[in-house]
Amino acid sequence: PGDRETLIVEASFPGNPNAADFFVAGERDYMFGVPARSEKDGKLVFTVPILDRPTTTPTDGGLYYTLTTAAGAVEGLLPFP
């Protein structure tokens, strides 16, 4: 979710939100800026600038991400914005 210029990711996990980092892979002609961390309604939110994107949004696959905390990391796939 987000708009054509930002990717917004809401993270939910136990523990200290200040110890979390979010990384998203730039691929398929997407390029991302540095994620900004904030809290909204008690939830951790990362807002990632979309610096470049393809002219047409891909319909297959997605963007690989990694969320890290002091306890470990989790990887996943986000839909293309």
PDB file of N, CA and C in Angstrom:
ATOM      1  N   PRO A   1       0.813  -1.204   0.000  1.00  0.00           N
ATOM      2  CA  PRO A   1       0.000   0.000   0.000  1.00  0.00           C
ATOM      3  C   PRO A   1       0.852   1.262   0.000  1.00  0.00           C
ATOM      4  N   GLY A   2       0.263   2.334  -0.290  1.00  0.00           N
ATOM      5  CA  GLY A   2       0.938   3.619  -0.398  1.00  0.00           C
ATOM      6  C   GLY A   2       0.383   4.330  -1.614  1.00  0.00           C
ATOM      7  N   ASP A   3       1.222   5.064  -2.289  1.00  0.00           N
ATOM      8  CA  ASP A   3       0.815   5.700  -3.536  1.00  0.00           C
ATOM      9  C   ASP A   3       1.924   5.451  -4.555  1.00  0.00           C
ATOM     10  N   ARG A   4       1.909   6.147  -5.655  1.00  0.00           N
ATOM     11  CA  ARG A   4       2.919   5.901  -6.693  1.00  0.00           C
ATOM     12  C   ARG A   4       4.300   6.396  -6.284  1.00  0.00           C
ATOM     13  N   GLU A   5       4.392   7.187  -5.213  1.00  0.00           N
ATOM     14  CA  GLU A   5       5.683   7.743  -4.797  1.00  0.00           C
ATOM     15  C   GLU A   5       6.198   7.182  -3.486  1.00  0.00           C
ATOM     16  N   THR A   6       5.366   6.438  -2.762  1.00  0.00           N
ATOM     17  CA  THR A   6       5.802   5.854  -1.494  1.00  0.00           C
ATOM     18  C   THR A   6       5.252   4.445  -1.321  1.00  0.00           C
ATOM     19  N   LEU A   7       6.015   3.647  -0.609  1.00  0.00           N
ATOM     20  CA  LEU A   7       5.593   2.316  -0.196  1.00  0.00           C
ATOM     21  C   LEU A   7       5.429   2.396   1.317  1.00  0.00           C
ATOM     22  N   ILE A   8       4.265   2.020   1.828  1.00  0.00           N
ATOM     23  CA  ILE A   8       4.007   2.090   3.262  1.00  0.00           C
ATOM     24  C   ILE A   8       3.814   0.670   3.781  1.00  0.00           C
ATOM     25  N   VAL A   9       4.636   0.316   4.773  1.00  0.00           N
ATOM     26  CA  VAL A   9       4.609  -1.035   5.331  1.00  0.00           C
ATOM     27  C   VAL A   9       4.363  -0.939   6.828  1.00  0.00           C
ATOM     28  N   GLU A  10       3.355  -1.646   7.298  1.00  0.00           N
ATOM     29  CA  GLU A  10       3.044  -1.699   8.726  1.00  0.00           C
ATOM     30  C   GLU A  10       3.601  -3.010   9.269  1.00  0.00           C
ATOM     31  N   ALA A  11       4.457  -2.916  10.278  1.00  0.00           N
ATOM     32  CA  ALA A  11       5.101  -4.098  10.847  1.00  0.00           C
ATOM     33  C   ALA A  11       4.504  -4.404  12.213  1.00  0.00           C
ATOM     34  N   SER A  12       4.296  -5.673  12.475  1.00  0.00           N
ATOM     35  CA  SER A  12       3.753  -6.102  13.753  1.00  0.00           C
ATOM     36  C   SER A  12       4.629  -7.228  14.287  1.00  0.00           C
ATOM     37  N   PHE A  13       5.168  -7.041  15.486  1.00  0.00           N
ATOM     38  CA  PHE A  13       6.025  -8.053  16.095  1.00  0.00           C
ATOM     39  C   PHE A  13       6.166  -7.734  17.577  1.00  0.00           C
ATOM     40  N   PRO A  14       6.523  -8.722  18.393  1.00  0.00           N
ATOM     41  CA  PRO A  14       6.742  -8.453  19.808  1.00  0.00           C
ATOM     42  C   PRO A  14       8.098  -7.790  20.015  1.00  0.00           C
ATOM     43  N   GLY A  15       8.207  -7.008  21.050  1.00  0.00           N
ATOM     44  CA  GLY A  15       9.500  -6.410  21.366  1.00  0.00           C
ATOM     45  C   GLY A  15       9.551  -4.926  21.087  1.00  0.00           C
ATOM     46  N   ASN A  16      10.749  -4.402  21.185  1.00  0.00           N
ATOM     47  CA  ASN A  16      11.008  -2.971  21.049  1.00  0.00           C
ATOM     48  C   ASN A  16      10.991  -2.540  19.582  1.00  0.00           C
ATOM     49  N   PRO A  17      10.077  -1.653  19.179  1.00  0.00           N
ATOM     50  CA  PRO A  17      10.036  -1.215  17.780  1.00  0.00           C
ATOM     51  C   PRO A  17      11.275  -0.429  17.362  1.00  0.00           C
ATOM     52  N   ASN A  18      11.989   0.158  18.319  1.00  0.00           N
ATOM     53  CA  ASN A  18      13.203   0.903  17.972  1.00  0.00           C
ATOM     54  C   ASN A  18      14.338  -0.013  17.538  1.00  0.00           C
ATOM     55  N   ALA A  19      14.211  -1.305  17.823  1.00  0.00           N
ATOM     56  CA  ALA A  19      15.254  -2.260  17.453  1.00  0.00           C
ATOM     57  C   ALA A  19      14.996  -2.887  16.087  1.00  0.00           C
ATOM     58  N   ALA A  20      13.963  -2.458  15.383  1.00  0.00           N
ATOM     59  CA  ALA A  20      13.601  -3.056  14.095  1.00  0.00           C
ATOM     60  C   ALA A  20      14.150  -2.237  12.932  1.00  0.00           C
ATOM     61  N   ASP A  21      14.543  -2.949  11.893  1.00  0.00           N
ATOM     62  CA  ASP A  21      14.946  -2.324  10.636  1.00  0.00           C
ATOM     63  C   ASP A  21      14.218  -3.020   9.501  1.00  0.00           C
ATOM     64  N   PHE A  22      13.973  -2.273   8.430  1.00  0.00           N
ATOM     65  CA  PHE A  22      13.246  -2.794   7.275  1.00  0.00           C
ATOM     66  C   PHE A  22      14.071  -2.552   6.021  1.00  0.00           C
ATOM     67  N   PHE A  23      14.174  -3.575   5.196  1.00  0.00           N
ATOM     68  CA  PHE A  23      14.898  -3.475   3.931  1.00  0.00           C
ATOM     69  C   PHE A  23      14.003  -4.014   2.824  1.00  0.00           C
ATOM     70  N   VAL A  24      13.985  -3.340   1.691  1.00  0.00           N
ATOM     71  CA  VAL A  24      13.232  -3.821   0.534  1.00  0.00           C
ATOM     72  C   VAL A  24      14.167  -3.804  -0.671  1.00  0.00           C
ATOM     73  N   ALA A  25      14.119  -4.876  -1.443  1.00  0.00           N
ATOM     74  CA  ALA A  25      15.008  -5.013  -2.594  1.00  0.00           C
ATOM     75  C   ALA A  25      14.476  -4.211  -3.774  1.00  0.00           C
ATOM     76  N   GLY A  26      15.356  -3.467  -4.416  1.00  0.00           N
ATOM     77  CA  GLY A  26      14.999  -2.773  -5.643  1.00  0.00           C
ATOM     78  C   GLY A  26      15.210  -3.722  -6.812  1.00  0.00           C
ATOM     79  N   GLU A  27      14.160  -4.050  -7.493  1.00  0.00           N
ATOM     80  CA  GLU A  27      14.247  -4.960  -8.623  1.00  0.00           C
ATOM     81  C   GLU A  27      13.123  -4.661  -9.599  1.00  0.00           C
ATOM     82  N   ARG A  28      13.196  -5.269 -10.764  1.00  0.00           N
ATOM     83  CA  ARG A  28      12.179  -5.078 -11.806  1.00  0.00           C
ATOM     84  C   ARG A  28      11.982  -3.594 -12.107  1.00  0.00           C
ATOM     85  N   ASP A  29      13.088  -2.849 -12.155  1.00  0.00           N
ATOM     86  CA  ASP A  29      13.115  -1.411 -12.456  1.00  0.00           C
ATOM     87  C   ASP A  29      12.595  -0.527 -11.325  1.00  0.00           C
ATOM     88  N   TYR A  30      12.431  -1.066 -10.126  1.00  0.00           N
ATOM     89  CA  TYR A  30      12.108  -0.256  -8.952  1.00  0.00           C
ATOM     90  C   TYR A  30      13.401   0.139  -8.257  1.00  0.00           C
ATOM     91  N   MET A  31      13.441   1.353  -7.717  1.00  0.00           N
ATOM     92  CA  MET A  31      14.546   1.806  -6.882  1.00  0.00           C
ATOM     93  C   MET A  31      13.925   2.540  -5.694  1.00  0.00           C
ATOM     94  N   PHE A  32      14.418   2.215  -4.492  1.00  0.00           N
ATOM     95  CA  PHE A  32      13.834   2.751  -3.270  1.00  0.00           C
ATOM     96  C   PHE A  32      14.836   3.576  -2.486  1.00  0.00           C
ATOM     97  N   GLY A  33      14.319   4.559  -1.748  1.00  0.00           N
ATOM     98  CA  GLY A  33      15.133   5.344  -0.834  1.00  0.00           C
ATOM     99  C   GLY A  33      15.187   4.671   0.526  1.00  0.00           C
ATOM    100  N   VAL A  34      15.726   5.374   1.482  1.00  0.00           N
ATOM    101  CA  VAL A  34      15.878   4.858   2.843  1.00  0.00           C
ATOM    102  C   VAL A  34      14.523   4.879   3.559  1.00  0.00           C
ATOM    103  N   PRO A  35      14.113   3.756   4.156  1.00  0.00           N
ATOM    104  CA  PRO A  35      12.845   3.722   4.888  1.00  0.00           C
ATOM    105  C   PRO A  35      12.864   4.659   6.094  1.00  0.00           C
ATOM    106  N   ALA A  36      11.758   5.367   6.304  1.00  0.00           N
ATOM    107  CA  ALA A  36      11.586   6.211   7.489  1.00  0.00           C
ATOM    108  C   ALA A  36      10.665   5.472   8.453  1.00  0.00           C
ATOM    109  N   ARG A  37      11.060   5.398   9.705  1.00  0.00           N
ATOM    110  CA  ARG A  37      10.301   4.679  10.722  1.00  0.00           C
ATOM    111  C   ARG A  37       9.410   5.662  11.483  1.00  0.00           C
ATOM    112  N   SER A  38       8.166   5.250  11.759  1.00  0.00           N
ATOM    113  CA  SER A  38       7.261   6.048  12.587  1.00  0.00           C
ATOM    114  C   SER A  38       6.311   5.096  13.306  1.00  0.00           C
ATOM    115  N   GLU A  39       5.524   5.635  14.205  1.00  0.00           N
ATOM    116  CA  GLU A  39       4.499   4.841  14.880  1.00  0.00           C
ATOM    117  C   GLU A  39       3.142   5.474  14.621  1.00  0.00           C
ATOM    118  N   LYS A  40       2.154   4.619  14.370  1.00  0.00           N
ATOM    119  CA  LYS A  40       0.798   5.091  14.129  1.00  0.00           C
ATOM    120  C   LYS A  40      -0.157   4.132  14.825  1.00  0.00           C
ATOM    121  N   ASP A  41      -0.968   4.664  15.710  1.00  0.00           N
ATOM    122  CA  ASP A  41      -1.929   3.852  16.460  1.00  0.00           C
ATOM    123  C   ASP A  41      -1.246   2.679  17.159  1.00  0.00           C
ATOM    124  N   GLY A  42      -0.035   2.910  17.692  1.00  0.00           N
ATOM    125  CA  GLY A  42       0.692   1.875  18.405  1.00  0.00           C
ATOM    126  C   GLY A  42       1.371   0.849  17.526  1.00  0.00           C
ATOM    127  N   LYS A  43       1.371   1.062  16.214  1.00  0.00           N
ATOM    128  CA  LYS A  43       1.995   0.123  15.285  1.00  0.00           C
ATOM    129  C   LYS A  43       3.195   0.780  14.621  1.00  0.00           C
ATOM    130  N   LEU A  44       4.187  -0.028  14.312  1.00  0.00           N
ATOM    131  CA  LEU A  44       5.382   0.449  13.638  1.00  0.00           C
ATOM    132  C   LEU A  44       5.109   0.541  12.141  1.00  0.00           C
ATOM    133  N   VAL A  45       5.418   1.695  11.546  1.00  0.00           N
ATOM    134  CA  VAL A  45       5.171   1.924  10.122  1.00  0.00           C
ATOM    135  C   VAL A  45       6.469   2.375   9.471  1.00  0.00           C
ATOM    136  N   PHE A  46       6.796   1.761   8.334  1.00  0.00           N
ATOM    137  CA  PHE A  46       7.940   2.183   7.532  1.00  0.00           C
ATOM    138  C   PHE A  46       7.404   2.818   6.252  1.00  0.00           C
ATOM    139  N   THR A  47       7.854   4.034   5.965  1.00  0.00           N
ATOM    140  CA  THR A  47       7.494   4.727   4.733  1.00  0.00           C
ATOM    141  C   THR A  47       8.742   4.776   3.866  1.00  0.00           C
ATOM    142  N   VAL A  48       8.640   4.175   2.685  1.00  0.00           N
ATOM    143  CA  VAL A  48       9.796   4.028   1.808  1.00  0.00           C
ATOM    144  C   VAL A  48       9.560   4.836   0.533  1.00  0.00           C
ATOM    145  N   PRO A  49      10.427   5.809   0.228  1.00  0.00           N
ATOM    146  CA  PRO A  49      10.271   6.563  -1.017  1.00  0.00           C
ATOM    147  C   PRO A  49      10.538   5.670  -2.231  1.00  0.00           C
ATOM    148  N   ILE A  50       9.696   5.780  -3.235  1.00  0.00           N
ATOM    149  CA  ILE A  50       9.929   5.100  -4.509  1.00  0.00           C
ATOM    150  C   ILE A  50      10.646   6.101  -5.403  1.00  0.00           C
ATOM    151  N   LEU A  51      11.941   5.873  -5.634  1.00  0.00           N
ATOM    152  CA  LEU A  51      12.754   6.801  -6.416  1.00  0.00           C
ATOM    153  C   LEU A  51      12.599   6.584  -7.913  1.00  0.00           C
ATOM    154  N   ASP A  52      12.373   5.348  -8.304  1.00  0.00           N
ATOM    155  CA  ASP A  52      12.172   5.024  -9.717  1.00  0.00           C
ATOM    156  C   ASP A  52      11.303   3.780  -9.781  1.00  0.00           C
ATOM    157  N   ARG A  53      10.514   3.676 -10.838  1.00  0.00           N
ATOM    158  CA  ARG A  53       9.603   2.547 -10.991  1.00  0.00           C
ATOM    159  C   ARG A  53       9.395   2.264 -12.465  1.00  0.00           C
ATOM    160  N   PRO A  54       8.956   1.072 -12.815  1.00  0.00           N
ATOM    161  CA  PRO A  54       8.690   0.773 -14.218  1.00  0.00           C
ATOM    162  C   PRO A  54       7.473   1.559 -14.713  1.00  0.00           C
ATOM    163  N   THR A  55       7.386   1.736 -16.005  1.00  0.00           N
ATOM    164  CA  THR A  55       6.239   2.460 -16.560  1.00  0.00           C
ATOM    165  C   THR A  55       4.946   1.673 -16.379  1.00  0.00           C
ATOM    166  N   THR A  56       5.054   0.347 -16.339  1.00  0.00           N
ATOM    167  CA  THR A  56       3.901  -0.517 -16.113  1.00  0.00           C
ATOM    168  C   THR A  56       4.174  -1.379 -14.886  1.00  0.00           C
ATOM    169  N   THR A  57       3.234  -1.436 -13.964  1.00  0.00           N
ATOM    170  CA  THR A  57       3.408  -2.247 -12.762  1.00  0.00           C
ATOM    171  C   THR A  57       3.381  -3.728 -13.133  1.00  0.00           C
ATOM    172  N   PRO A  58       4.401  -4.495 -12.717  1.00  0.00           N
ATOM    173  CA  PRO A  58       4.406  -5.933 -13.009  1.00  0.00           C
ATOM    174  C   PRO A  58       3.187  -6.620 -12.393  1.00  0.00           C
ATOM    175  N   THR A  59       2.703  -7.648 -13.052  1.00  0.00           N
ATOM    176  CA  THR A  59       1.524  -8.365 -12.567  1.00  0.00           C
ATOM    177  C   THR A  59       1.885  -9.675 -11.886  1.00  0.00           C
ATOM    178  N   ASP A  60       3.145 -10.090 -11.982  1.00  0.00           N
ATOM    179  CA  ASP A  60       3.569 -11.337 -11.343  1.00  0.00           C
ATOM    180  C   ASP A  60       4.718 -11.067 -10.380  1.00  0.00           C
ATOM    181  N   GLY A  61       4.828 -11.898  -9.359  1.00  0.00           N
ATOM    182  CA  GLY A  61       5.923 -11.741  -8.403  1.00  0.00           C
ATOM    183  C   GLY A  61       5.647 -10.639  -7.403  1.00  0.00           C
ATOM    184  N   GLY A  62       6.718 -10.041  -6.903  1.00  0.00           N
ATOM    185  CA  GLY A  62       6.603  -8.983  -5.915  1.00  0.00           C
ATOM    186  C   GLY A  62       7.972  -8.496  -5.494  1.00  0.00           C
ATOM    187  N   LEU A  63       8.006  -7.733  -4.431  1.00  0.00           N
ATOM    188  CA  LEU A  63       9.247  -7.158  -3.906  1.00  0.00           C
ATOM    189  C   LEU A  63       9.661  -7.915  -2.649  1.00  0.00           C
ATOM    190  N   TYR A  64      10.896  -8.374  -2.631  1.00  0.00           N
ATOM    191  CA  TYR A  64      11.406  -9.088  -1.467  1.00  0.00           C
ATOM    192  C   TYR A  64      11.802  -8.100  -0.380  1.00  0.00           C
ATOM    193  N   TYR A  65      11.419  -8.410   0.859  1.00  0.00           N
ATOM    194  CA  TYR A  65      11.755  -7.544   1.987  1.00  0.00           C
ATOM    195  C   TYR A  65      12.357  -8.374   3.112  1.00  0.00           C
ATOM    196  N   THR A  66      13.050  -7.684   4.008  1.00  0.00           N
ATOM    197  CA  THR A  66      13.575  -8.283   5.234  1.00  0.00           C
ATOM    198  C   THR A  66      13.273  -7.336   6.385  1.00  0.00           C
ATOM    199  N   LEU A  67      12.702  -7.868   7.445  1.00  0.00           N
ATOM    200  CA  LEU A  67      12.460  -7.126   8.681  1.00  0.00           C
ATOM    201  C   LEU A  67      13.360  -7.748   9.738  1.00  0.00           C
ATOM    202  N   THR A  68      14.245  -6.946  10.322  1.00  0.00           N
ATOM    203  CA  THR A  68      15.180  -7.458  11.319  1.00  0.00           C
ATOM    204  C   THR A  68      14.872  -6.863  12.686  1.00  0.00           C
ATOM    205  N   THR A  69      15.091  -7.673  13.710  1.00  0.00           N
ATOM    206  CA  THR A  69      14.978  -7.228  15.096  1.00  0.00           C
ATOM    207  C   THR A  69      16.148  -7.838  15.865  1.00  0.00           C
ATOM    208  N   ALA A  70      16.253  -7.503  17.130  1.00  0.00           N
ATOM    209  CA  ALA A  70      17.307  -8.082  17.957  1.00  0.00           C
ATOM    210  C   ALA A  70      17.134  -9.598  18.089  1.00  0.00           C
ATOM    211  N   ALA A  71      15.908 -10.087  17.921  1.00  0.00           N
ATOM    212  CA  ALA A  71      15.622 -11.512  18.061  1.00  0.00           C
ATOM    213  C   ALA A  71      15.851 -12.305  16.781  1.00  0.00           C
ATOM    214  N   GLY A  72      16.020 -11.633  15.648  1.00  0.00           N
ATOM    215  CA  GLY A  72      16.204 -12.340  14.388  1.00  0.00           C
ATOM    216  C   GLY A  72      15.630 -11.552  13.228  1.00  0.00           C
ATOM    217  N   ALA A  73      15.357 -12.263  12.151  1.00  0.00           N
ATOM    218  CA  ALA A  73      14.866 -11.607  10.938  1.00  0.00           C
ATOM    219  C   ALA A  73      13.788 -12.463  10.286  1.00  0.00           C
ATOM    220  N   VAL A  74      12.946 -11.795   9.514  1.00  0.00           N
ATOM    221  CA  VAL A  74      11.934 -12.482   8.723  1.00  0.00           C
ATOM    222  C   VAL A  74      11.977 -11.887   7.323  1.00  0.00           C
ATOM    223  N   GLU A  75      11.785 -12.747   6.329  1.00  0.00           N
ATOM    224  CA  GLU A  75      11.764 -12.298   4.934  1.00  0.00           C
ATOM    225  C   GLU A  75      10.394 -12.581   4.358  1.00  0.00           C
ATOM    226  N   GLY A  76      10.038 -11.826   3.339  1.00  0.00           N
ATOM    227  CA  GLY A  76       8.755 -12.044   2.709  1.00  0.00           C
ATOM    228  C   GLY A  76       8.678 -11.369   1.356  1.00  0.00           C
ATOM    229  N   LEU A  77       7.489 -11.373   0.794  1.00  0.00           N
ATOM    230  CA  LEU A  77       7.236 -10.816  -0.526  1.00  0.00           C
ATOM    231  C   LEU A  77       6.063  -9.846  -0.432  1.00  0.00           C
ATOM    232  N   LEU A  78       6.280  -8.616  -0.888  1.00  0.00           N
ATOM    233  CA  LEU A  78       5.230  -7.595  -0.920  1.00  0.00           C
ATOM    234  C   LEU A  78       4.698  -7.468  -2.339  1.00  0.00           C
ATOM    235  N   PRO A  79       3.412  -7.160  -2.508  1.00  0.00           N
ATOM    236  CA  PRO A  79       2.909  -6.898  -3.857  1.00  0.00           C
ATOM    237  C   PRO A  79       3.556  -5.637  -4.422  1.00  0.00           C
ATOM    238  N   PHE A  80       3.708  -5.595  -5.733  1.00  0.00           N
ATOM    239  CA  PHE A  80       4.261  -4.402  -6.368  1.00  0.00           C
ATOM    240  C   PHE A  80       3.326  -3.215  -6.143  1.00  0.00           C
ATOM    241  N   PRO A  81       3.900  -2.051  -5.798  1.00  0.00           N
ATOM    242  CA  PRO A  81       3.055  -0.862  -5.600  1.00  0.00           C
ATOM    243  C   PRO A  81       2.599  -0.285  -6.926  1.00  0.00           C
TER     244      PRO A  81
END
